[in-house]
């Protein structure tokens, strides 16, 4: 079979960075981030979080090919921010949201377990 091994979808090869950055030479305050071994799940969540930032003019992502396990995230910001700042802020905000969600879930599970 020509399909790649399943582990290749998740394991970042040695010598490959998880996230790489490339500044756009044609547009000021624009950049592309390549995130290895991720798919639509992370791409869409990150894009939506970037859209919440008022300094982000454009945020989008694409998967170059179904058999390439990486996403390309493109960010264009206003002059008050940089794409790297917007990316880092979006990741930090998502981390806080997920911690809050985890805490709420664990509290409900504890409440449910105590009832039964």
PDB file of N, CA and C in Angstrom:
ATOM      1  N   UNK A   1       0.836  -1.180   0.000  1.00  0.00           N
ATOM      2  CA  UNK A   1       0.000   0.000   0.000  1.00  0.00           C
ATOM      3  C   UNK A   1       0.885   1.249   0.000  1.00  0.00           C
ATOM      4  N   UNK A   2       0.468   2.295  -0.678  1.00  0.00           N
ATOM      5  CA  UNK A   2       1.267   3.501  -0.811  1.00  0.00           C
ATOM      6  C   UNK A   2       1.063   4.508   0.312  1.00  0.00           C
ATOM      7  N   UNK A   3       0.138   4.242   1.209  1.00  0.00           N
ATOM      8  CA  UNK A   3      -0.140   5.192   2.291  1.00  0.00           C
ATOM      9  C   UNK A   3       1.026   5.233   3.277  1.00  0.00           C
ATOM     10  N   UNK A   4       1.340   6.428   3.785  1.00  0.00           N
ATOM     11  CA  UNK A   4       2.400   6.526   4.794  1.00  0.00           C
ATOM     12  C   UNK A   4       1.959   5.876   6.109  1.00  0.00           C
ATOM     13  N   UNK A   5       2.947   5.538   6.931  1.00  0.00           N
ATOM     14  CA  UNK A   5       2.641   4.959   8.237  1.00  0.00           C
ATOM     15  C   UNK A   5       1.860   5.945   9.091  1.00  0.00           C
ATOM     16  N   UNK A   6       0.996   5.420   9.969  1.00  0.00           N
ATOM     17  CA  UNK A   6       0.144   6.274  10.789  1.00  0.00           C
ATOM     18  C   UNK A   6       0.920   7.194  11.721  1.00  0.00           C
ATOM     19  N   UNK A   7       2.015   6.695  12.267  1.00  0.00           N
ATOM     20  CA  UNK A   7       2.763   7.512  13.216  1.00  0.00           C
ATOM     21  C   UNK A   7       3.332   8.768  12.557  1.00  0.00           C
ATOM     22  N   UNK A   8       3.490   8.761  11.242  1.00  0.00           N
ATOM     23  CA  UNK A   8       4.037   9.927  10.550  1.00  0.00           C
ATOM     24  C   UNK A   8       3.117  11.136  10.634  1.00  0.00           C
ATOM     25  N   UNK A   9       1.852  10.917  10.972  1.00  0.00           N
ATOM     26  CA  UNK A   9       0.918  12.032  11.126  1.00  0.00           C
ATOM     27  C   UNK A   9       1.167  12.836  12.394  1.00  0.00           C
ATOM     28  N   UNK A  10       1.841  12.217  13.370  1.00  0.00           N
ATOM     29  CA  UNK A  10       1.946  12.842  14.688  1.00  0.00           C
ATOM     30  C   UNK A  10       3.371  13.112  15.140  1.00  0.00           C
ATOM     31  N   UNK A  11       4.310  12.285  14.749  1.00  0.00           N
ATOM     32  CA  UNK A  11       5.679  12.388  15.244  1.00  0.00           C
ATOM     33  C   UNK A  11       6.472  13.328  14.340  1.00  0.00           C
ATOM     34  N   UNK A  12       7.011  14.376  14.942  1.00  0.00           N
ATOM     35  CA  UNK A  12       7.833  15.327  14.192  1.00  0.00           C
ATOM     36  C   UNK A  12       9.215  14.698  13.999  1.00  0.00           C
ATOM     37  N   UNK A  13       9.679  14.594  12.761  1.00  0.00           N
ATOM     38  CA  UNK A  13      10.994  13.983  12.527  1.00  0.00           C
ATOM     39  C   UNK A  13      12.119  14.769  13.182  1.00  0.00           C
ATOM     40  N   UNK A  14      13.206  14.080  13.464  1.00  0.00           N
ATOM     41  CA  UNK A  14      14.367  14.751  14.049  1.00  0.00           C
ATOM     42  C   UNK A  14      14.896  15.789  13.072  1.00  0.00           C
ATOM     43  N   UNK A  15      15.303  16.917  13.614  1.00  0.00           N
ATOM     44  CA  UNK A  15      15.859  17.977  12.795  1.00  0.00           C
ATOM     45  C   UNK A  15      14.815  18.893  12.168  1.00  0.00           C
ATOM     46  N   UNK A  16      13.528  18.624  12.400  1.00  0.00           N
ATOM     47  CA  UNK A  16      12.451  19.451  11.850  1.00  0.00           C
ATOM     48  C   UNK A  16      11.814  20.219  13.001  1.00  0.00           C
ATOM     49  N   UNK A  17      11.674  21.535  12.838  1.00  0.00           N
ATOM     50  CA  UNK A  17      11.037  22.353  13.869  1.00  0.00           C
ATOM     51  C   UNK A  17       9.529  22.159  13.814  1.00  0.00           C
ATOM     52  N   UNK A  18       8.878  22.194  14.962  1.00  0.00           N
ATOM     53  CA  UNK A  18       7.419  22.087  15.031  1.00  0.00           C
ATOM     54  C   UNK A  18       6.766  23.284  14.341  1.00  0.00           C
ATOM     55  N   UNK A  19       7.298  24.481  14.592  1.00  0.00           N
ATOM     56  CA  UNK A  19       6.762  25.705  13.989  1.00  0.00           C
ATOM     57  C   UNK A  19       7.913  26.460  13.339  1.00  0.00           C
ATOM     58  N   UNK A  20       7.713  26.839  12.096  1.00  0.00           N
ATOM     59  CA  UNK A  20       8.700  27.686  11.425  1.00  0.00           C
ATOM     60  C   UNK A  20       8.011  28.960  10.940  1.00  0.00           C
ATOM     61  N   UNK A  21       8.799  30.010  10.818  1.00  0.00           N
ATOM     62  CA  UNK A  21       8.295  31.355  10.526  1.00  0.00           C
ATOM     63  C   UNK A  21       8.941  31.865   9.245  1.00  0.00           C
ATOM     64  N   UNK A  22       8.125  32.467   8.396  1.00  0.00           N
ATOM     65  CA  UNK A  22       8.661  33.088   7.183  1.00  0.00           C
ATOM     66  C   UNK A  22       7.965  34.428   6.970  1.00  0.00           C
ATOM     67  N   UNK A  23       8.746  35.492   7.000  1.00  0.00           N
ATOM     68  CA  UNK A  23       8.202  36.837   6.814  1.00  0.00           C
ATOM     69  C   UNK A  23       7.854  37.055   5.352  1.00  0.00           C
ATOM     70  N   UNK A  24       6.752  37.748   5.116  1.00  0.00           N
ATOM     71  CA  UNK A  24       6.344  38.065   3.747  1.00  0.00           C
ATOM     72  C   UNK A  24       7.141  39.267   3.268  1.00  0.00           C
ATOM     73  N   UNK A  25       7.733  39.158   2.106  1.00  0.00           N
ATOM     74  CA  UNK A  25       8.567  40.249   1.586  1.00  0.00           C
ATOM     75  C   UNK A  25       7.751  41.278   0.808  1.00  0.00           C
ATOM     76  N   UNK A  26       6.527  40.939   0.435  1.00  0.00           N
ATOM     77  CA  UNK A  26       5.717  41.847  -0.377  1.00  0.00           C
ATOM     78  C   UNK A  26       4.733  42.682   0.438  1.00  0.00           C
ATOM     79  N   UNK A  27       4.306  42.173   1.583  1.00  0.00           N
ATOM     80  CA  UNK A  27       3.311  42.857   2.402  1.00  0.00           C
ATOM     81  C   UNK A  27       3.917  43.151   3.769  1.00  0.00           C
ATOM     82  N   UNK A  28       3.787  44.387   4.210  1.00  0.00           N
ATOM     83  CA  UNK A  28       4.294  44.768   5.528  1.00  0.00           C
ATOM     84  C   UNK A  28       3.404  44.140   6.595  1.00  0.00           C
ATOM     85  N   UNK A  29       4.023  43.696   7.686  1.00  0.00           N
ATOM     86  CA  UNK A  29       3.317  43.065   8.812  1.00  0.00           C
ATOM     87  C   UNK A  29       2.532  41.829   8.390  1.00  0.00           C
ATOM     88  N   UNK A  30       3.123  41.014   7.550  1.00  0.00           N
ATOM     89  CA  UNK A  30       2.504  39.752   7.152  1.00  0.00           C
ATOM     90  C   UNK A  30       3.554  38.655   7.232  1.00  0.00           C
ATOM     91  N   UNK A  31       3.095  37.461   7.590  1.00  0.00           N
ATOM     92  CA  UNK A  31       4.014  36.334   7.705  1.00  0.00           C
ATOM     93  C   UNK A  31       3.245  35.028   7.563  1.00  0.00           C
ATOM     94  N   UNK A  32       4.007  33.981   7.308  1.00  0.00           N
ATOM     95  CA  UNK A  32       3.449  32.633   7.244  1.00  0.00           C
ATOM     96  C   UNK A  32       4.142  31.774   8.287  1.00  0.00           C
ATOM     97  N   UNK A  33       3.356  30.978   8.976  1.00  0.00           N
ATOM     98  CA  UNK A  33       3.868  30.029   9.951  1.00  0.00           C
ATOM     99  C   UNK A  33       3.546  28.629   9.437  1.00  0.00           C
ATOM    100  N   UNK A  34       4.521  27.756   9.415  1.00  0.00           N
ATOM    101  CA  UNK A  34       4.317  26.364   9.046  1.00  0.00           C
ATOM    102  C   UNK A  34       4.326  25.551  10.326  1.00  0.00           C
ATOM    103  N   UNK A  35       3.241  24.853  10.585  1.00  0.00           N
ATOM    104  CA  UNK A  35       3.123  24.040  11.793  1.00  0.00           C
ATOM    105  C   UNK A  35       3.119  22.582  11.356  1.00  0.00           C
ATOM    106  N   UNK A  36       4.135  21.862  11.759  1.00  0.00           N
ATOM    107  CA  UNK A  36       4.299  20.468  11.360  1.00  0.00           C
ATOM    108  C   UNK A  36       3.401  19.544  12.176  1.00  0.00           C
ATOM    109  N   UNK A  37       2.933  18.512  11.528  1.00  0.00           N
ATOM    110  CA  UNK A  37       2.151  17.417  12.127  1.00  0.00           C
ATOM    111  C   UNK A  37       0.851  17.893  12.769  1.00  0.00           C
ATOM    112  N   UNK A  38       0.180  18.834  12.120  1.00  0.00           N
ATOM    113  CA  UNK A  38      -1.128  19.302  12.567  1.00  0.00           C
ATOM    114  C   UNK A  38      -2.086  19.298  11.384  1.00  0.00           C
ATOM    115  N   UNK A  39      -3.380  19.462  11.685  1.00  0.00           N
ATOM    116  CA  UNK A  39      -4.390  19.386  10.628  1.00  0.00           C
ATOM    117  C   UNK A  39      -5.445  20.468  10.831  1.00  0.00           C
ATOM    118  N   UNK A  40      -6.633  20.261  10.264  1.00  0.00           N
ATOM    119  CA  UNK A  40      -7.703  21.259  10.315  1.00  0.00           C
ATOM    120  C   UNK A  40      -8.119  21.604  11.746  1.00  0.00           C
ATOM    121  N   UNK A  41      -7.995  20.676  12.668  1.00  0.00           N
ATOM    122  CA  UNK A  41      -8.419  20.937  14.047  1.00  0.00           C
ATOM    123  C   UNK A  41      -7.670  22.136  14.618  1.00  0.00           C
ATOM    124  N   UNK A  42      -6.372  22.080  14.607  1.00  0.00           N
ATOM    125  CA  UNK A  42      -5.560  23.181  15.140  1.00  0.00           C
ATOM    126  C   UNK A  42      -5.644  24.395  14.233  1.00  0.00           C
ATOM    127  N   UNK A  43      -5.644  24.189  12.937  1.00  0.00           N
ATOM    128  CA  UNK A  43      -5.686  25.303  11.995  1.00  0.00           C
ATOM    129  C   UNK A  43      -6.915  26.171  12.173  1.00  0.00           C
ATOM    130  N   UNK A  44      -8.079  25.541  12.294  1.00  0.00           N
ATOM    131  CA  UNK A  44      -9.317  26.310  12.422  1.00  0.00           C
ATOM    132  C   UNK A  44      -9.420  26.991  13.787  1.00  0.00           C
ATOM    133  N   UNK A  45      -9.029  26.306  14.842  1.00  0.00           N
ATOM    134  CA  UNK A  45      -9.069  26.916  16.179  1.00  0.00           C
ATOM    135  C   UNK A  45      -8.140  28.125  16.236  1.00  0.00           C
ATOM    136  N   UNK A  46      -6.939  27.974  15.700  1.00  0.00           N
ATOM    137  CA  UNK A  46      -5.972  29.076  15.707  1.00  0.00           C
ATOM    138  C   UNK A  46      -6.471  30.234  14.847  1.00  0.00           C
ATOM    139  N   UNK A  47      -7.022  29.939  13.700  1.00  0.00           N
ATOM    140  CA  UNK A  47      -7.554  30.988  12.823  1.00  0.00           C
ATOM    141  C   UNK A  47      -8.659  31.778  13.516  1.00  0.00           C
ATOM    142  N   UNK A  48      -9.578  31.075  14.173  1.00  0.00           N
ATOM    143  CA  UNK A  48     -10.678  31.755  14.856  1.00  0.00           C
ATOM    144  C   UNK A  48     -10.169  32.600  16.026  1.00  0.00           C
ATOM    145  N   UNK A  49      -9.172  32.122  16.727  1.00  0.00           N
ATOM    146  CA  UNK A  49      -8.606  32.905  17.830  1.00  0.00           C
ATOM    147  C   UNK A  49      -7.898  34.150  17.289  1.00  0.00           C
ATOM    148  N   UNK A  50      -7.225  34.028  16.183  1.00  0.00           N
ATOM    149  CA  UNK A  50      -6.570  35.184  15.572  1.00  0.00           C
ATOM    150  C   UNK A  50      -7.592  36.215  15.110  1.00  0.00           C
ATOM    151  N   UNK A  51      -8.754  35.775  14.655  1.00  0.00           N
ATOM    152  CA  UNK A  51      -9.793  36.701  14.209  1.00  0.00           C
ATOM    153  C   UNK A  51     -10.371  37.520  15.374  1.00  0.00           C
ATOM    154  N   UNK A  52     -10.216  37.047  16.587  1.00  0.00           N
ATOM    155  CA  UNK A  52     -10.691  37.795  17.755  1.00  0.00           C
ATOM    156  C   UNK A  52      -9.796  38.991  18.080  1.00  0.00           C
ATOM    157  N   UNK A  53      -8.575  38.973  17.589  1.00  0.00           N
ATOM    158  CA  UNK A  53      -7.609  40.045  17.851  1.00  0.00           C
ATOM    159  C   UNK A  53      -7.914  41.226  16.932  1.00  0.00           C
ATOM    160  N   UNK A  54      -8.167  42.416  17.489  1.00  0.00           N
ATOM    161  CA  UNK A  54      -8.481  43.572  16.638  1.00  0.00           C
ATOM    162  C   UNK A  54      -7.306  44.045  15.778  1.00  0.00           C
ATOM    163  N   UNK A  55      -6.080  43.647  16.117  1.00  0.00           N
ATOM    164  CA  UNK A  55      -4.916  44.033  15.332  1.00  0.00           C
ATOM    165  C   UNK A  55      -4.652  43.113  14.148  1.00  0.00           C
ATOM    166  N   UNK A  56      -5.404  42.038  14.033  1.00  0.00           N
ATOM    167  CA  UNK A  56      -5.216  41.097  12.925  1.00  0.00           C
ATOM    168  C   UNK A  56      -6.153  41.480  11.785  1.00  0.00           C
ATOM    169  N   UNK A  57      -5.578  41.772  10.637  1.00  0.00           N
ATOM    170  CA  UNK A  57      -6.356  42.125   9.456  1.00  0.00           C
ATOM    171  C   UNK A  57      -6.781  40.885   8.675  1.00  0.00           C
ATOM    172  N   UNK A  58      -5.914  39.875   8.647  1.00  0.00           N
ATOM    173  CA  UNK A  58      -6.202  38.639   7.934  1.00  0.00           C
ATOM    174  C   UNK A  58      -5.557  37.480   8.661  1.00  0.00           C
ATOM    175  N   UNK A  59      -6.289  36.397   8.772  1.00  0.00           N
ATOM    176  CA  UNK A  59      -5.745  35.155   9.318  1.00  0.00           C
ATOM    177  C   UNK A  59      -6.404  34.007   8.574  1.00  0.00           C
ATOM    178  N   UNK A  60      -5.605  33.136   8.043  1.00  0.00           N
ATOM    179  CA  UNK A  60      -6.121  31.988   7.316  1.00  0.00           C
ATOM    180  C   UNK A  60      -5.118  30.854   7.374  1.00  0.00           C
ATOM    181  N   UNK A  61      -5.566  29.668   7.017  1.00  0.00           N
ATOM    182  CA  UNK A  61      -4.668  28.524   7.001  1.00  0.00           C
ATOM    183  C   UNK A  61      -5.034  27.626   5.830  1.00  0.00           C
ATOM    184  N   UNK A  62      -4.108  26.777   5.466  1.00  0.00           N
ATOM    185  CA  UNK A  62      -4.377  25.775   4.441  1.00  0.00           C
ATOM    186  C   UNK A  62      -3.504  24.555   4.688  1.00  0.00           C
ATOM    187  N   UNK A  63      -3.981  23.435   4.202  1.00  0.00           N
ATOM    188  CA  UNK A  63      -3.195  22.211   4.164  1.00  0.00           C
ATOM    189  C   UNK A  63      -2.671  22.090   2.743  1.00  0.00           C
ATOM    190  N   UNK A  64      -1.354  22.086   2.558  1.00  0.00           N
ATOM    191  CA  UNK A  64      -0.824  22.054   1.200  1.00  0.00           C
ATOM    192  C   UNK A  64      -1.241  20.808   0.418  1.00  0.00           C
ATOM    193  N   UNK A  65      -1.287  19.665   1.096  1.00  0.00           N
ATOM    194  CA  UNK A  65      -1.630  18.403   0.440  1.00  0.00           C
ATOM    195  C   UNK A  65      -2.122  17.436   1.505  1.00  0.00           C
ATOM    196  N   UNK A  66      -3.108  16.600   1.185  1.00  0.00           N
ATOM    197  CA  UNK A  66      -3.641  15.670   2.199  1.00  0.00           C
ATOM    198  C   UNK A  66      -2.613  14.702   2.783  1.00  0.00           C
ATOM    199  N   UNK A  67      -1.565  14.403   2.048  1.00  0.00           N
ATOM    200  CA  UNK A  67      -0.556  13.477   2.562  1.00  0.00           C
ATOM    201  C   UNK A  67       0.641  14.185   3.189  1.00  0.00           C
ATOM    202  N   UNK A  68       0.632  15.517   3.198  1.00  0.00           N
ATOM    203  CA  UNK A  68       1.644  16.287   3.913  1.00  0.00           C
ATOM    204  C   UNK A  68       1.018  16.737   5.218  1.00  0.00           C
ATOM    205  N   UNK A  69       1.572  16.309   6.323  1.00  0.00           N
ATOM    206  CA  UNK A  69       0.971  16.579   7.623  1.00  0.00           C
ATOM    207  C   UNK A  69       1.506  17.879   8.202  1.00  0.00           C
ATOM    208  N   UNK A  70       1.072  18.971   7.584  1.00  0.00           N
ATOM    209  CA  UNK A  70       1.437  20.298   8.080  1.00  0.00           C
ATOM    210  C   UNK A  70       0.382  21.280   7.607  1.00  0.00           C
ATOM    211  N   UNK A  71       0.307  22.400   8.340  1.00  0.00           N
ATOM    212  CA  UNK A  71      -0.591  23.472   7.932  1.00  0.00           C
ATOM    213  C   UNK A  71       0.227  24.743   7.767  1.00  0.00           C
ATOM    214  N   UNK A  72      -0.229  25.602   6.886  1.00  0.00           N
ATOM    215  CA  UNK A  72       0.376  26.908   6.675  1.00  0.00           C
ATOM    216  C   UNK A  72      -0.604  27.950   7.182  1.00  0.00           C
ATOM    217  N   UNK A  73      -0.200  28.698   8.190  1.00  0.00           N
ATOM    218  CA  UNK A  73      -1.034  29.753   8.771  1.00  0.00           C
ATOM    219  C   UNK A  73      -0.483  31.088   8.297  1.00  0.00           C
ATOM    220  N   UNK A  74      -1.342  31.894   7.714  1.00  0.00           N
ATOM    221  CA  UNK A  74      -0.940  33.199   7.191  1.00  0.00           C
ATOM    222  C   UNK A  74      -1.600  34.281   8.034  1.00  0.00           C
ATOM    223  N   UNK A  75      -0.801  35.252   8.492  1.00  0.00           N
ATOM    224  CA  UNK A  75      -1.286  36.318   9.367  1.00  0.00           C
ATOM    225  C   UNK A  75      -0.830  37.658   8.824  1.00  0.00           C
ATOM    226  N   UNK A  76      -1.761  38.613   8.765  1.00  0.00           N
ATOM    227  CA  UNK A  76      -1.461  39.995   8.372  1.00  0.00           C
ATOM    228  C   UNK A  76      -2.019  40.891   9.474  1.00  0.00           C
ATOM    229  N   UNK A  77      -1.178  41.735  10.043  1.00  0.00           N
ATOM    230  CA  UNK A  77      -1.593  42.567  11.173  1.00  0.00           C
ATOM    231  C   UNK A  77      -1.476  44.046  10.841  1.00  0.00           C
ATOM    232  N   UNK A  78      -2.039  44.861  11.734  1.00  0.00           N
ATOM    233  CA  UNK A  78      -1.893  46.313  11.623  1.00  0.00           C
ATOM    234  C   UNK A  78      -0.486  46.706  12.061  1.00  0.00           C
ATOM    235  N   UNK A  79      -0.169  47.984  11.967  1.00  0.00           N
ATOM    236  CA  UNK A  79       1.162  48.444  12.353  1.00  0.00           C
ATOM    237  C   UNK A  79       1.371  48.419  13.871  1.00  0.00           C
ATOM    238  N   UNK A  80       0.281  48.294  14.652  1.00  0.00           N
ATOM    239  CA  UNK A  80       0.408  48.252  16.113  1.00  0.00           C
ATOM    240  C   UNK A  80       0.875  46.891  16.631  1.00  0.00           C
ATOM    241  N   UNK A  81       0.913  45.901  15.783  1.00  0.00           N
ATOM    242  CA  UNK A  81       1.277  44.551  16.200  1.00  0.00           C
ATOM    243  C   UNK A  81       2.086  43.883  15.100  1.00  0.00           C
ATOM    244  N   UNK A  82       2.709  42.779  15.449  1.00  0.00           N
ATOM    245  CA  UNK A  82       3.425  41.998  14.445  1.00  0.00           C
ATOM    246  C   UNK A  82       2.761  40.622  14.343  1.00  0.00           C
ATOM    247  N   UNK A  83       2.962  39.914  13.249  1.00  0.00           N
ATOM    248  CA  UNK A  83       2.388  38.574  13.135  1.00  0.00           C
ATOM    249  C   UNK A  83       2.866  37.627  14.234  1.00  0.00           C
ATOM    250  N   UNK A  84       4.117  37.770  14.633  1.00  0.00           N
ATOM    251  CA  UNK A  84       4.639  36.911  15.701  1.00  0.00           C
ATOM    252  C   UNK A  84       3.938  37.199  17.022  1.00  0.00           C
ATOM    253  N   UNK A  85       3.715  38.479  17.336  1.00  0.00           N
ATOM    254  CA  UNK A  85       3.002  38.836  18.566  1.00  0.00           C
ATOM    255  C   UNK A  85       1.575  38.301  18.529  1.00  0.00           C
ATOM    256  N   UNK A  86       0.904  38.449  17.396  1.00  0.00           N
ATOM    257  CA  UNK A  86      -0.469  37.971  17.271  1.00  0.00           C
ATOM    258  C   UNK A  86      -0.526  36.456  17.416  1.00  0.00           C
ATOM    259  N   UNK A  87       0.411  35.756  16.803  1.00  0.00           N
ATOM    260  CA  UNK A  87       0.464  34.287  16.898  1.00  0.00           C
ATOM    261  C   UNK A  87       0.679  33.854  18.340  1.00  0.00           C
ATOM    262  N   UNK A  88       1.675  34.452  18.998  1.00  0.00           N
ATOM    263  CA  UNK A  88       1.968  34.084  20.390  1.00  0.00           C
ATOM    264  C   UNK A  88       0.791  34.395  21.312  1.00  0.00           C
ATOM    265  N   UNK A  89       0.147  35.543  21.103  1.00  0.00           N
ATOM    266  CA  UNK A  89      -1.010  35.907  21.926  1.00  0.00           C
ATOM    267  C   UNK A  89      -2.154  34.930  21.706  1.00  0.00           C
ATOM    268  N   UNK A  90      -2.386  34.533  20.467  1.00  0.00           N
ATOM    269  CA  UNK A  90      -3.463  33.574  20.168  1.00  0.00           C
ATOM    270  C   UNK A  90      -3.180  32.231  20.838  1.00  0.00           C
ATOM    271  N   UNK A  91      -1.944  31.770  20.789  1.00  0.00           N
ATOM    272  CA  UNK A  91      -1.579  30.490  21.424  1.00  0.00           C
ATOM    273  C   UNK A  91      -1.769  30.594  22.939  1.00  0.00           C
ATOM    274  N   UNK A  92      -1.337  31.693  23.544  1.00  0.00           N
ATOM    275  CA  UNK A  92      -1.497  31.871  24.997  1.00  0.00           C
ATOM    276  C   UNK A  92      -2.973  31.940  25.387  1.00  0.00           C
ATOM    277  N   UNK A  93      -3.783  32.657  24.611  1.00  0.00           N
ATOM    278  CA  UNK A  93      -5.212  32.752  24.901  1.00  0.00           C
ATOM    279  C   UNK A  93      -5.895  31.390  24.777  1.00  0.00           C
ATOM    280  N   UNK A  94      -5.519  30.621  23.767  1.00  0.00           N
ATOM    281  CA  UNK A  94      -6.089  29.281  23.611  1.00  0.00           C
ATOM    282  C   UNK A  94      -5.686  28.376  24.766  1.00  0.00           C
ATOM    283  N   UNK A  95      -4.460  28.517  25.225  1.00  0.00           N
ATOM    284  CA  UNK A  95      -3.996  27.721  26.357  1.00  0.00           C
ATOM    285  C   UNK A  95      -4.826  28.029  27.602  1.00  0.00           C
ATOM    286  N   UNK A  96      -5.100  29.313  27.839  1.00  0.00           N
ATOM    287  CA  UNK A  96      -5.922  29.710  28.987  1.00  0.00           C
ATOM    288  C   UNK A  96      -7.352  29.193  28.844  1.00  0.00           C
ATOM    289  N   UNK A  97      -7.916  29.287  27.637  1.00  0.00           N
ATOM    290  CA  UNK A  97      -9.277  28.794  27.408  1.00  0.00           C
ATOM    291  C   UNK A  97      -9.374  27.296  27.642  1.00  0.00           C
ATOM    292  N   UNK A  98      -8.381  26.561  27.173  1.00  0.00           N
ATOM    293  CA  UNK A  98      -8.396  25.106  27.352  1.00  0.00           C
ATOM    294  C   UNK A  98      -8.205  24.723  28.813  1.00  0.00           C
ATOM    295  N   UNK A  99      -7.382  25.477  29.548  1.00  0.00           N
ATOM    296  CA  UNK A  99      -7.244  25.227  30.983  1.00  0.00           C
ATOM    297  C   UNK A  99      -8.568  25.461  31.702  1.00  0.00           C
ATOM    298  N   UNK A 100      -9.287  26.509  31.318  1.00  0.00           N
ATOM    299  CA  UNK A 100     -10.593  26.805  31.907  1.00  0.00           C
ATOM    300  C   UNK A 100     -11.588  25.688  31.580  1.00  0.00           C
ATOM    301  N   UNK A 101     -11.591  25.248  30.336  1.00  0.00           N
ATOM    302  CA  UNK A 101     -12.479  24.160  29.922  1.00  0.00           C
ATOM    303  C   UNK A 101     -12.158  22.871  30.665  1.00  0.00           C
ATOM    304  N   UNK A 102     -10.882  22.584  30.821  1.00  0.00           N
ATOM    305  CA  UNK A 102     -10.464  21.391  31.554  1.00  0.00           C
ATOM    306  C   UNK A 102     -10.915  21.458  33.013  1.00  0.00           C
ATOM    307  N   UNK A 103     -10.752  22.630  33.635  1.00  0.00           N
ATOM    308  CA  UNK A 103     -11.186  22.801  35.022  1.00  0.00           C
ATOM    309  C   UNK A 103     -12.683  22.621  35.182  1.00  0.00           C
ATOM    310  N   UNK A 104     -13.458  23.182  34.257  1.00  0.00           N
ATOM    311  CA  UNK A 104     -14.915  23.035  34.318  1.00  0.00           C
ATOM    312  C   UNK A 104     -15.322  21.588  34.112  1.00  0.00           C
ATOM    313  N   UNK A 105     -14.660  20.900  33.193  1.00  0.00           N
ATOM    314  CA  UNK A 105     -14.964  19.495  32.942  1.00  0.00           C
ATOM    315  C   UNK A 105     -14.649  18.636  34.161  1.00  0.00           C
ATOM    316  N   UNK A 106     -13.481  18.855  34.761  1.00  0.00           N
ATOM    317  CA  UNK A 106     -13.096  18.074  35.940  1.00  0.00           C
ATOM    318  C   UNK A 106     -14.021  18.352  37.115  1.00  0.00           C
ATOM    319  N   UNK A 107     -14.476  19.596  37.270  1.00  0.00           N
ATOM    320  CA  UNK A 107     -15.411  19.921  38.347  1.00  0.00           C
ATOM    321  C   UNK A 107     -16.743  19.202  38.140  1.00  0.00           C
ATOM    322  N   UNK A 108     -17.228  19.180  36.905  1.00  0.00           N
ATOM    323  CA  UNK A 108     -18.480  18.471  36.610  1.00  0.00           C
ATOM    324  C   UNK A 108     -18.323  16.973  36.804  1.00  0.00           C
ATOM    325  N   UNK A 109     -17.174  16.428  36.420  1.00  0.00           N
ATOM    326  CA  UNK A 109     -16.944  14.995  36.620  1.00  0.00           C
ATOM    327  C   UNK A 109     -16.912  14.656  38.111  1.00  0.00           C
ATOM    328  N   UNK A 110     -16.302  15.509  38.903  1.00  0.00           N
ATOM    329  CA  UNK A 110     -16.267  15.272  40.349  1.00  0.00           C
ATOM    330  C   UNK A 110     -17.674  15.373  40.933  1.00  0.00           C
ATOM    331  N   UNK A 111     -18.449  16.341  40.467  1.00  0.00           N
ATOM    332  CA  UNK A 111     -19.825  16.484  40.945  1.00  0.00           C
ATOM    333  C   UNK A 111     -20.658  15.273  40.531  1.00  0.00           C
ATOM    334  N   UNK A 112     -20.476  14.822  39.332  1.00  0.00           N
ATOM    335  CA  UNK A 112     -21.204  13.654  38.825  1.00  0.00           C
ATOM    336  C   UNK A 112     -20.818  12.400  39.610  1.00  0.00           C
ATOM    337  N   UNK A 113     -19.511  12.233  39.877  1.00  0.00           N
ATOM    338  CA  UNK A 113     -19.031  11.062  40.612  1.00  0.00           C
ATOM    339  C   UNK A 113     -19.565  11.061  42.048  1.00  0.00           C
ATOM    340  N   UNK A 114     -19.691  12.238  42.650  1.00  0.00           N
ATOM    341  CA  UNK A 114     -20.183  12.288  44.035  1.00  0.00           C
ATOM    342  C   UNK A 114     -21.671  11.987  44.115  1.00  0.00           C
ATOM    343  N   UNK A 115     -22.416  12.224  43.031  1.00  0.00           N
ATOM    344  CA  UNK A 115     -23.848  11.941  43.007  1.00  0.00           C
ATOM    345  C   UNK A 115     -24.121  10.434  42.875  1.00  0.00           C
ATOM    346  N   UNK A 116     -23.165   9.703  42.320  1.00  0.00           N
ATOM    347  CA  UNK A 116     -23.405   8.264  42.076  1.00  0.00           C
ATOM    348  C   UNK A 116     -22.433   7.456  42.795  1.00  0.00           C
TER     349      UNK A 116
END
